[in-house]
Amino acid sequence: MEQKNTEVGRYEAQTRRKKGTMGWIAFGVLLLSLCLLLFIGVRSVYGYLNHSIGTELVNFATLGAEVAAALAGLAVILSLITFFLPRQKKGLAVFSLIVALLIVGLAGTVLYFYHYMFGAIDYDAEFEQLPEEELLIIQPDDKGEVDFEVKPEIATMNQEEVEEQIQLQELEWEFLLDQHIPEEGQAMMNSRTPIRPSTLHPDAAGIENYLLFGLDKAGASDVVMVLSMDRVHKKIKLISLARDSYVRIPEWGSYTKLAYAYSAGQAKMAVGTVNYNYMLNIKDYITVEIEEIEQIVDLVGGVEVELDANEIWYMNNYGGHYGLKQGMNLLDGAEAVTYSRMRSSSSKDTEAKRTGRQREVLASMFDKAKEIPVTDYPELLRAGMDLCATSFESNELLGMMMETVMQGYTLESYALIDIIEFWAGKFGPRNYMYLVYDLDGAADTLYKVIYEELYVSGYPEQELKPDRPAAP
């Protein structure tokens, strides 16, 4: 009898323990969520103190916050179930429920603002899936050597096929070959010859290049800039490529203005054309319509630029912007767009000055963005992302932004035609203006700017002639 009572007591104790397990399970799930959030916090503080916040940490933090919120949500469900089961530890369930709800609310708020800021971005997933071969990406060989004279092989169309596509797409295009160029331009195209192989140091892998496009109303890239994120020297470099540059469109086997590659084949053709002609390794891009930059400038409170008398005259007569003075001015969005698109403020105006204005506006926007209250960032980022089409995912962009700010990157800007020799003139059936230069030599110059001492040029040093013609 005594043995039977002992067994019954043991059974009832086991039953009671089983009945109380739901609350402990909820508490255990809650602890996992709390531990994950604590680890994210510690990792973020460590990254902040060591200035190592970047895309990798942003990816980890956003994914961790989503998992923590999911675990907390599960803890809420388990806690609620506990209230409907007999002989459960209600006190533990109440504690788990309250804390889990706080975690869900906190993580949910953070994730909401994250998706609010970046949810409007036009992410080009199709472009992201393109293989390197289709983007004509150039990489140094195993020895680090770069041969600028060897271009990727690609099937090209004949003249009739190209002209048929031009008519179908209603493009401002003409089928040009080298023989269309005047002798002065042809001489410029073949003005530089390497004397030894050019090489890149393996550390150059720490420098990544992207493309920024600003589109006009016709869909041509009125602005083309290489954005180089230099993690070796902690620099952001903006390098303008002239829209009127005479370049080869590899798919069509003919030449035209660099600006027309985007209108003909969107981002894929534009990126491939830049890679092909300048021997680059670009895989990502950001595109914005120039007229829409007006909204971003207004959101950051305008941009500060220095105007000369000729630029003020242009702003008054062609932009209808009055009240400007010689010297520093705070331009609103509409004025900034007119300023950045200015082509001929005087007879001495050049394409280099024009692209310099564009970089000046961008640099001022970056500086002004640092001055606005943190509470305005969500609206600013959302508005900016809404205007962009890009191959970057939102976490990549946020990581890059955080990295440049936290690690104190400096901003440098260049215009390619400021540092190379070129010939400028009109030719072809439509008598368009083109800037003609040695594309291999231009690629060599780009490498010098982008990679600095990590690049050893195989070309002889060349001094720019002071009396070279200015680009209209």
Protein backbone atom coordinates (compact mmCIF):
# COMPACT_ATOMS: atom_id res chain seq x y z
CA MET A 1 0.00 0.00 0.00
CA GLU A 2 2.80 2.36 0.95
CA GLN A 3 4.61 1.54 -2.30
CA LYS A 4 1.46 2.31 -4.28
CA ASN A 5 1.05 5.69 -2.58
CA THR A 6 4.67 6.49 -3.38
CA GLU A 7 4.17 5.71 -7.06
CA VAL A 8 0.98 7.81 -7.15
CA GLY A 9 2.81 10.71 -5.57
CA ARG A 10 5.66 10.42 -8.03
CA TYR A 11 3.18 10.37 -10.96
CA GLU A 12 1.32 13.45 -9.66
CA ALA A 13 4.62 15.32 -9.23
CA GLN A 14 5.65 14.46 -12.81
CA THR A 15 2.23 15.58 -14.02
CA ARG A 16 2.54 18.87 -12.19
CA ARG A 17 5.99 19.42 -13.66
CA LYS A 18 4.66 18.66 -17.14
CA LYS A 19 1.77 21.02 -16.63
CA GLY A 20 4.20 23.83 -15.79
CA THR A 21 6.50 23.40 -18.78
CA MET A 22 4.64 25.73 -21.20
CA GLY A 23 5.55 28.80 -19.20
CA TRP A 24 9.18 27.71 -19.05
CA ILE A 25 9.22 27.11 -22.81
CA ALA A 26 7.88 30.64 -23.39
CA PHE A 27 10.51 32.03 -21.04
CA GLY A 28 13.25 30.05 -22.79
CA VAL A 29 12.24 31.39 -26.22
CA LEU A 30 12.18 34.89 -24.73
CA LEU A 31 15.71 34.42 -23.38
CA LEU A 32 16.92 33.44 -26.87
CA SER A 33 15.43 36.64 -28.25
CA LEU A 34 17.01 38.73 -25.50
CA CYS A 35 20.42 37.10 -25.98
CA LEU A 36 20.28 37.77 -29.72
CA LEU A 37 19.39 41.43 -29.17
CA LEU A 38 22.17 41.75 -26.59
CA PHE A 39 24.66 40.25 -29.03
CA ILE A 40 23.52 42.65 -31.78
CA GLY A 41 23.93 45.57 -29.38
CA VAL A 42 27.40 44.50 -28.27
CA ARG A 43 28.50 43.90 -31.87
CA SER A 44 27.14 47.31 -32.93
CA VAL A 45 28.87 49.13 -30.06
CA TYR A 46 32.10 47.31 -30.90
CA GLY A 47 31.73 48.32 -34.54
CA TYR A 48 31.04 51.93 -33.53
CA LEU A 49 34.05 52.14 -31.22
CA ASN A 50 36.32 50.52 -33.81
CA HIS A 51 34.84 52.43 -36.76
CA SER A 52 34.04 49.17 -38.52
CA ILE A 53 30.34 49.62 -39.24
CA GLY A 54 29.60 48.58 -42.81
CA THR A 55 27.41 46.42 -45.00
CA GLU A 56 28.30 43.21 -43.18
CA LEU A 57 27.20 44.60 -39.82
CA VAL A 58 24.04 46.13 -41.30
CA ASN A 59 23.13 42.74 -42.82
CA PHE A 60 23.73 41.02 -39.49
CA ALA A 61 21.78 43.62 -37.50
CA THR A 62 18.72 43.65 -39.77
CA LEU A 63 18.56 39.86 -40.01
CA GLY A 64 19.15 39.54 -36.26
CA ALA A 65 16.39 42.04 -35.49
CA GLU A 66 13.97 40.10 -37.69
CA VAL A 67 14.86 36.78 -35.98
CA ALA A 68 14.64 38.37 -32.51
CA ALA A 69 11.21 39.80 -33.34
CA ALA A 70 10.06 36.40 -34.62
CA LEU A 71 11.28 34.66 -31.44
CA ALA A 72 9.59 37.28 -29.26
CA GLY A 73 6.37 36.80 -31.24
CA LEU A 74 6.58 33.06 -30.60
CA ALA A 75 7.10 33.77 -26.90
CA VAL A 76 3.93 35.89 -26.91
CA ILE A 77 1.93 33.04 -28.45
CA LEU A 78 3.31 30.47 -25.99
CA SER A 79 2.61 32.80 -23.06
CA LEU A 80 -0.99 33.29 -24.16
CA ILE A 81 -1.46 29.54 -24.55
CA THR A 82 -0.27 29.15 -20.95
CA PHE A 83 -3.29 31.10 -19.67
CA PHE A 84 -5.70 28.59 -21.22
CA LEU A 85 -4.04 25.47 -19.83
CA PRO A 86 -4.57 24.17 -16.30
CA ARG A 87 -1.84 24.04 -13.68
CA GLN A 88 0.58 26.38 -15.52
CA LYS A 89 2.91 28.93 -13.93
CA LYS A 90 0.97 32.07 -14.77
CA GLY A 91 3.47 34.48 -13.18
CA LEU A 92 6.29 33.35 -15.46
CA ALA A 93 3.91 33.57 -18.43
CA VAL A 94 2.90 37.14 -17.53
CA PHE A 95 6.56 38.21 -17.29
CA SER A 96 7.38 36.53 -20.62
CA LEU A 97 4.36 38.11 -22.30
CA ILE A 98 5.19 41.65 -21.18
CA VAL A 99 8.88 41.51 -22.10
CA ALA A 100 8.16 39.73 -25.41
CA LEU A 101 5.64 42.43 -26.37
CA LEU A 102 8.24 45.11 -25.62
CA ILE A 103 10.76 43.35 -27.86
CA VAL A 104 8.23 42.94 -30.67
CA GLY A 105 7.36 46.63 -30.40
CA LEU A 106 10.99 47.79 -30.33
CA ALA A 107 12.26 45.51 -33.12
CA GLY A 108 9.13 46.15 -35.17
CA THR A 109 9.61 49.92 -34.90
CA VAL A 110 13.25 49.71 -35.98
CA LEU A 111 12.43 47.43 -38.92
CA TYR A 112 9.49 49.64 -39.91
CA PHE A 113 11.69 52.73 -40.12
CA TYR A 114 14.35 50.78 -42.00
CA HIS A 115 11.87 49.58 -44.61
CA TYR A 116 10.21 53.01 -44.67
CA MET A 117 13.51 54.69 -45.54
CA PHE A 118 14.60 52.18 -48.18
CA GLY A 119 11.34 50.56 -49.23
CA ALA A 120 10.78 53.00 -52.10
CA ILE A 121 14.05 52.15 -53.83
CA ASP A 122 13.76 50.78 -57.37
CA TYR A 123 15.97 47.72 -56.98
CA ASP A 124 17.16 46.30 -60.32
CA ALA A 125 17.28 42.60 -59.41
CA GLU A 126 17.60 41.58 -63.07
CA PHE A 127 20.78 43.63 -63.48
CA GLU A 128 22.22 42.13 -60.30
CA GLN A 129 21.92 38.65 -61.82
CA LEU A 130 23.88 39.51 -64.97
CA PRO A 131 27.15 37.57 -65.33
CA GLU A 132 30.44 39.47 -65.53
CA GLU A 133 30.80 38.51 -69.20
CA GLU A 134 27.68 40.49 -70.15
CA LEU A 135 28.88 43.55 -68.25
CA LEU A 136 32.28 43.27 -69.98
CA ILE A 137 34.10 43.45 -66.66
CA ILE A 138 37.88 43.73 -66.89
CA GLN A 139 40.12 42.09 -64.29
CA PRO A 140 43.94 41.92 -64.11
CA ASP A 141 45.51 38.54 -64.84
CA ASP A 142 47.19 36.28 -62.26
CA LYS A 143 50.29 38.46 -62.33
CA GLY A 144 48.26 41.62 -61.76
CA GLU A 145 48.93 42.84 -65.30
CA VAL A 146 46.36 44.92 -67.19
CA ASP A 147 46.58 45.05 -70.97
CA PHE A 148 44.59 48.10 -72.09
CA GLU A 149 44.93 47.18 -75.75
CA VAL A 150 43.15 43.82 -75.40
CA LYS A 151 39.37 44.29 -75.34
CA PRO A 152 36.80 41.57 -74.53
CA GLU A 153 35.52 39.77 -77.60
CA ILE A 154 31.84 40.34 -78.33
CA ALA A 155 29.54 39.68 -81.28
CA THR A 156 28.57 42.91 -83.03
CA MET A 157 25.79 43.93 -85.41
CA ASN A 158 26.32 45.18 -88.93
CA GLN A 159 25.46 48.74 -89.94
CA GLU A 160 21.99 47.86 -91.28
CA GLU A 161 21.00 46.08 -88.06
CA VAL A 162 22.21 48.96 -85.94
CA GLU A 163 20.39 51.57 -88.00
CA GLU A 164 17.19 49.50 -87.85
CA GLN A 165 17.35 49.43 -84.05
CA ILE A 166 18.08 53.16 -83.98
CA GLN A 167 14.91 53.84 -86.02
CA LEU A 168 12.79 51.47 -83.91
CA GLN A 169 13.90 53.13 -80.67
CA GLU A 170 13.80 56.65 -82.14
CA LEU A 171 17.29 57.39 -80.87
CA GLU A 172 19.51 60.39 -81.55
CA TRP A 173 22.21 58.20 -82.98
CA GLU A 174 24.44 57.93 -85.99
CA PHE A 175 26.58 55.01 -87.10
CA LEU A 176 30.13 56.31 -86.83
CA LEU A 177 33.43 54.64 -87.61
CA ASP A 178 36.97 55.94 -87.19
CA GLN A 179 37.12 57.21 -90.76
CA HIS A 180 34.44 59.77 -89.93
CA ILE A 181 36.84 61.55 -87.55
CA PRO A 182 39.01 64.40 -88.88
CA GLU A 183 42.75 63.74 -89.03
CA GLU A 184 43.41 65.73 -85.83
CA GLY A 185 41.00 63.51 -83.94
CA GLN A 186 42.40 60.30 -85.41
CA ALA A 187 45.89 61.33 -84.37
CA MET A 188 44.63 61.92 -80.82
CA MET A 189 42.98 58.49 -80.68
CA ASN A 190 46.30 56.74 -81.15
CA SER A 191 48.58 59.11 -79.29
CA ARG A 192 49.79 56.82 -76.49
CA THR A 193 51.59 53.47 -76.60
CA PRO A 194 52.62 51.40 -73.55
CA ILE A 195 56.31 50.60 -73.12
CA ARG A 196 55.82 47.85 -70.53
CA PRO A 197 52.93 45.96 -68.86
CA SER A 198 50.76 47.91 -66.41
CA THR A 199 50.22 46.20 -63.06
CA LEU A 200 47.84 46.37 -60.10
CA HIS A 201 48.84 45.45 -56.54
CA PRO A 202 46.61 42.78 -54.89
CA ASP A 203 45.54 45.38 -52.28
CA ALA A 204 43.63 47.10 -55.09
CA ALA A 205 40.83 44.63 -54.29
CA GLY A 206 40.01 46.98 -51.40
CA ILE A 207 38.88 49.62 -53.91
CA GLU A 208 35.46 49.20 -55.51
CA ASN A 209 34.07 51.21 -58.41
CA TYR A 210 30.45 52.06 -59.21
CA LEU A 211 28.67 54.24 -61.76
CA LEU A 212 26.38 57.22 -61.16
CA PHE A 213 24.07 58.24 -64.00
CA GLY A 214 21.98 61.40 -64.22
CA LEU A 215 19.37 61.08 -66.97
CA ASP A 216 17.91 63.90 -69.04
CA LYS A 217 14.33 63.94 -70.32
CA ALA A 218 15.31 61.93 -73.41
CA GLY A 219 16.77 59.13 -71.30
CA ALA A 220 20.41 59.86 -72.17
CA SER A 221 22.96 60.01 -69.35
CA ASP A 222 23.71 63.71 -69.12
CA VAL A 223 25.84 62.91 -66.07
CA VAL A 224 28.26 59.95 -65.99
CA MET A 225 30.49 59.58 -62.95
CA VAL A 226 32.70 56.82 -61.63
CA LEU A 227 32.26 56.62 -57.86
CA SER A 228 35.27 54.91 -56.36
CA MET A 229 34.98 53.67 -52.76
CA ASP A 230 38.60 53.47 -51.66
CA ARG A 231 38.84 51.43 -48.45
CA VAL A 232 42.64 51.46 -48.69
CA HIS A 233 43.08 55.24 -48.49
CA LYS A 234 39.68 55.96 -46.87
CA LYS A 235 38.47 58.10 -49.75
CA ILE A 236 35.40 58.56 -51.90
CA LYS A 237 36.37 59.69 -55.39
CA LEU A 238 33.96 61.17 -57.93
CA ILE A 239 35.37 61.09 -61.47
CA SER A 240 33.34 62.71 -64.23
CA LEU A 241 33.35 61.19 -67.70
CA ALA A 242 32.32 63.67 -70.39
CA ARG A 243 28.90 62.89 -71.87
CA ASP A 244 30.18 63.80 -75.37
CA SER A 245 33.11 61.37 -75.21
CA TYR A 246 33.58 59.45 -78.46
CA VAL A 247 33.35 55.81 -77.37
CA ARG A 248 32.67 52.44 -78.92
CA ILE A 249 29.34 50.75 -78.19
CA PRO A 250 30.56 47.13 -78.11
CA GLU A 251 27.23 45.45 -78.93
CA TRP A 252 26.74 47.64 -81.99
CA GLY A 253 30.34 47.81 -83.16
CA SER A 254 30.04 51.53 -83.84
CA TYR A 255 30.93 54.76 -82.09
CA THR A 256 28.80 57.49 -80.56
CA LYS A 257 28.53 59.79 -77.55
CA LEU A 258 28.93 58.12 -74.18
CA ALA A 259 25.62 59.66 -73.07
CA TYR A 260 23.64 57.71 -75.70
CA ALA A 261 24.58 54.26 -74.40
CA TYR A 262 22.01 54.54 -71.61
CA SER A 263 19.18 55.64 -73.89
CA ALA A 264 19.99 52.77 -76.29
CA GLY A 265 20.34 49.90 -73.84
CA GLN A 266 19.59 51.13 -70.31
CA ALA A 267 21.97 50.37 -67.44
CA LYS A 268 23.33 47.14 -68.90
CA MET A 269 24.62 48.77 -72.10
CA ALA A 270 25.79 51.91 -70.27
CA VAL A 271 27.80 49.98 -67.66
CA GLY A 272 29.18 47.58 -70.27
CA THR A 273 30.23 50.49 -72.49
CA VAL A 274 32.14 52.18 -69.66
CA ASN A 275 33.82 48.90 -68.66
CA TYR A 276 34.76 48.13 -72.26
CA ASN A 277 36.19 51.54 -73.14
CA TYR A 278 37.89 52.36 -69.84
CA MET A 279 38.92 48.80 -68.83
CA LEU A 280 37.01 48.88 -65.53
CA ASN A 281 35.37 46.29 -63.29
CA ILE A 282 32.07 47.99 -62.45
CA LYS A 283 29.18 45.76 -61.37
CA ASP A 284 26.77 48.23 -59.72
CA TYR A 285 25.15 51.54 -60.54
CA ILE A 286 22.78 54.24 -59.28
CA THR A 287 20.60 56.20 -61.68
CA VAL A 288 18.55 59.32 -60.99
CA GLU A 289 16.69 61.66 -63.32
CA ILE A 290 18.43 65.04 -63.14
CA GLU A 291 15.24 67.06 -62.85
CA GLU A 292 14.25 65.07 -59.75
CA ILE A 293 17.45 66.02 -57.93
CA GLU A 294 15.60 69.28 -57.29
CA GLN A 295 13.57 67.55 -54.55
CA ILE A 296 16.66 66.23 -52.77
CA VAL A 297 18.37 69.62 -52.81
CA ASP A 298 15.29 71.22 -51.27
CA LEU A 299 15.11 68.54 -48.58
CA VAL A 300 18.69 69.19 -47.43
CA GLY A 301 18.05 72.94 -47.39
CA GLY A 302 19.76 73.91 -50.64
CA VAL A 303 23.39 73.75 -51.82
CA GLU A 304 26.14 76.31 -51.51
CA VAL A 305 28.10 77.08 -54.69
CA GLU A 306 30.26 79.94 -55.92
CA LEU A 307 28.99 81.79 -58.98
CA ASP A 308 30.95 84.03 -61.32
CA ALA A 309 29.46 86.85 -63.40
CA ASN A 310 28.97 84.67 -66.50
CA GLU A 311 27.18 81.95 -64.53
CA ILE A 312 24.84 84.53 -62.98
CA TRP A 313 24.06 85.86 -66.45
CA TYR A 314 23.22 82.31 -67.61
CA MET A 315 21.10 81.61 -64.54
CA ASN A 316 19.13 84.81 -65.14
CA ASN A 317 18.64 84.50 -68.90
CA TYR A 318 18.21 80.72 -69.35
CA GLY A 319 16.92 79.66 -65.96
CA GLY A 320 14.85 82.64 -64.91
CA HIS A 321 16.62 82.67 -61.53
CA TYR A 322 17.12 86.18 -60.19
CA GLY A 323 18.52 87.68 -57.00
CA LEU A 324 21.83 85.81 -57.22
CA LYS A 325 25.13 87.53 -56.43
CA GLN A 326 28.71 86.99 -57.48
CA GLY A 327 30.44 84.72 -54.97
CA MET A 328 28.87 82.14 -52.65
CA ASN A 329 25.13 81.52 -53.07
CA LEU A 330 22.64 79.16 -51.48
CA LEU A 331 20.75 77.59 -54.40
CA ASP A 332 17.39 75.89 -54.08
CA GLY A 333 16.53 72.72 -56.01
CA ALA A 334 15.46 74.37 -59.26
CA GLU A 335 18.49 76.67 -59.28
CA ALA A 336 20.85 73.78 -58.52
CA VAL A 337 19.52 71.77 -61.48
CA THR A 338 20.00 74.73 -63.84
CA TYR A 339 23.50 75.29 -62.48
CA SER A 340 24.54 71.65 -62.86
CA ARG A 341 23.26 71.48 -66.46
CA MET A 342 24.82 74.78 -67.55
CA ARG A 343 26.67 74.31 -70.85
CA SER A 344 27.83 77.69 -72.15
CA SER A 345 27.83 80.51 -69.64
CA SER A 346 30.57 82.15 -71.72
CA SER A 347 32.85 81.51 -74.67
CA LYS A 348 35.45 80.19 -72.19
CA ASP A 349 33.10 77.69 -70.59
CA THR A 350 34.22 74.07 -70.93
CA GLU A 351 32.92 70.56 -70.44
CA ALA A 352 35.37 70.20 -67.55
CA LYS A 353 33.80 73.21 -65.82
CA ARG A 354 30.35 71.78 -66.45
CA THR A 355 31.14 68.43 -64.85
CA GLY A 356 32.89 70.31 -62.06
CA ARG A 357 29.61 72.08 -61.31
CA GLN A 358 27.87 68.73 -61.09
CA ARG A 359 30.41 67.42 -58.59
CA GLU A 360 30.22 70.68 -56.66
CA VAL A 361 26.47 70.26 -56.24
CA LEU A 362 26.90 66.65 -55.09
CA ALA A 363 29.63 67.56 -52.60
CA SER A 364 27.52 70.38 -51.17
CA MET A 365 24.54 68.02 -50.84
CA PHE A 366 26.69 65.61 -48.80
CA ASP A 367 27.85 68.44 -46.54
CA LYS A 368 24.35 69.84 -46.05
CA ALA A 369 22.96 66.38 -45.29
CA LYS A 370 25.35 66.16 -42.30
CA GLU A 371 23.82 69.32 -40.84
CA ILE A 372 20.16 68.31 -40.85
CA PRO A 373 18.59 66.86 -37.66
CA VAL A 374 18.74 63.08 -37.28
CA THR A 375 14.93 63.04 -37.05
CA ASP A 376 14.79 64.27 -40.67
CA TYR A 377 16.93 61.41 -41.98
CA PRO A 378 14.07 58.91 -42.55
CA GLU A 379 12.18 61.34 -44.78
CA LEU A 380 15.35 62.43 -46.60
CA LEU A 381 16.47 58.87 -47.28
CA ARG A 382 13.01 57.77 -48.38
CA ALA A 383 12.72 60.71 -50.78
CA GLY A 384 16.20 60.05 -52.15
CA MET A 385 15.64 56.33 -52.61
CA ASP A 386 12.31 56.98 -54.32
CA LEU A 387 14.18 58.84 -57.08
CA CYS A 388 16.80 56.15 -57.64
CA ALA A 389 17.03 53.03 -59.75
CA THR A 390 19.94 50.90 -58.63
CA SER A 391 21.51 47.47 -58.56
CA PHE A 392 22.28 47.92 -54.85
CA GLU A 393 20.10 46.36 -52.21
CA SER A 394 19.01 48.68 -49.41
CA ASN A 395 21.29 47.09 -46.79
CA GLU A 396 24.31 47.57 -49.08
CA LEU A 397 23.57 51.28 -49.50
CA LEU A 398 23.01 51.80 -45.78
CA GLY A 399 26.19 49.91 -44.94
CA MET A 400 28.23 52.03 -47.36
CA MET A 401 26.75 55.24 -45.95
CA MET A 402 27.53 54.20 -42.40
CA GLU A 403 31.04 53.13 -43.33
CA THR A 404 31.95 56.41 -45.02
CA VAL A 405 30.61 58.49 -42.11
CA MET A 406 31.97 56.34 -39.26
CA GLN A 407 35.42 55.89 -40.78
CA GLY A 408 35.88 59.51 -41.79
CA TYR A 409 36.24 59.07 -45.54
CA THR A 410 37.35 62.17 -47.44
CA LEU A 411 35.74 63.25 -50.72
CA GLU A 412 37.80 63.98 -53.83
CA SER A 413 36.51 64.93 -57.27
CA TYR A 414 38.04 64.88 -60.74
CA ALA A 415 37.11 65.46 -64.36
CA LEU A 416 38.83 63.03 -66.73
CA ILE A 417 39.18 65.60 -69.51
CA ASP A 418 40.93 67.92 -67.06
CA ILE A 419 43.87 65.52 -66.87
CA ILE A 420 44.13 64.04 -70.38
CA GLU A 421 44.71 65.41 -73.85
CA PHE A 422 41.72 65.46 -76.21
CA TRP A 423 40.47 66.88 -79.46
CA ALA A 424 37.04 68.53 -79.58
CA GLY A 425 35.11 69.10 -82.78
CA LYS A 426 32.00 68.45 -84.85
CA PHE A 427 31.78 65.70 -87.44
CA GLY A 428 29.53 62.94 -88.74
CA PRO A 429 26.29 63.19 -90.77
CA ARG A 430 24.56 65.25 -88.05
CA ASN A 431 27.59 67.39 -87.25
CA TYR A 432 27.40 66.61 -83.52
CA MET A 433 30.09 67.73 -81.08
CA TYR A 434 32.43 64.97 -79.86
CA LEU A 435 35.41 64.82 -77.52
CA VAL A 436 38.00 62.46 -78.97
CA TYR A 437 40.92 61.06 -76.99
CA ASP A 438 43.05 57.97 -76.67
CA LEU A 439 40.74 55.62 -74.76
CA ASP A 440 43.58 53.32 -73.64
CA GLY A 441 45.50 56.30 -72.33
CA ALA A 442 42.34 57.59 -70.63
CA ALA A 443 41.91 54.22 -68.95
CA ASP A 444 45.51 54.41 -67.75
CA THR A 445 44.84 57.86 -66.28
CA LEU A 446 41.68 56.62 -64.54
CA TYR A 447 43.67 53.81 -62.95
CA LYS A 448 46.21 56.34 -61.64
CA VAL A 449 43.45 58.37 -59.99
CA ILE A 450 41.51 55.40 -58.63
CA TYR A 451 44.32 53.15 -57.40
CA GLU A 452 47.11 55.67 -56.70
CA GLU A 453 50.37 53.92 -55.66
CA LEU A 454 48.73 50.49 -56.01
CA TYR A 455 48.91 50.93 -59.80
CA VAL A 456 52.13 50.95 -61.80
CA SER A 457 51.56 52.38 -65.26
CA GLY A 458 53.14 50.88 -68.34
CA TYR A 459 52.77 54.15 -70.28
CA PRO A 460 55.39 56.87 -70.50
CA GLU A 461 54.61 59.99 -68.50
CA GLN A 462 52.84 62.62 -70.58
CA GLU A 463 52.50 66.30 -69.80
CA LEU A 464 49.34 68.11 -70.85
CA LYS A 465 49.80 70.84 -73.39
CA PRO A 466 48.71 74.22 -72.01
CA ASP A 467 47.23 75.29 -75.34
CA ARG A 468 45.04 72.22 -75.88
CA PRO A 469 41.58 73.11 -77.23
CA ALA A 470 38.81 73.59 -74.72
CA ALA A 471 35.68 71.46 -74.95
CA PRO A 472 32.65 73.57 -75.76
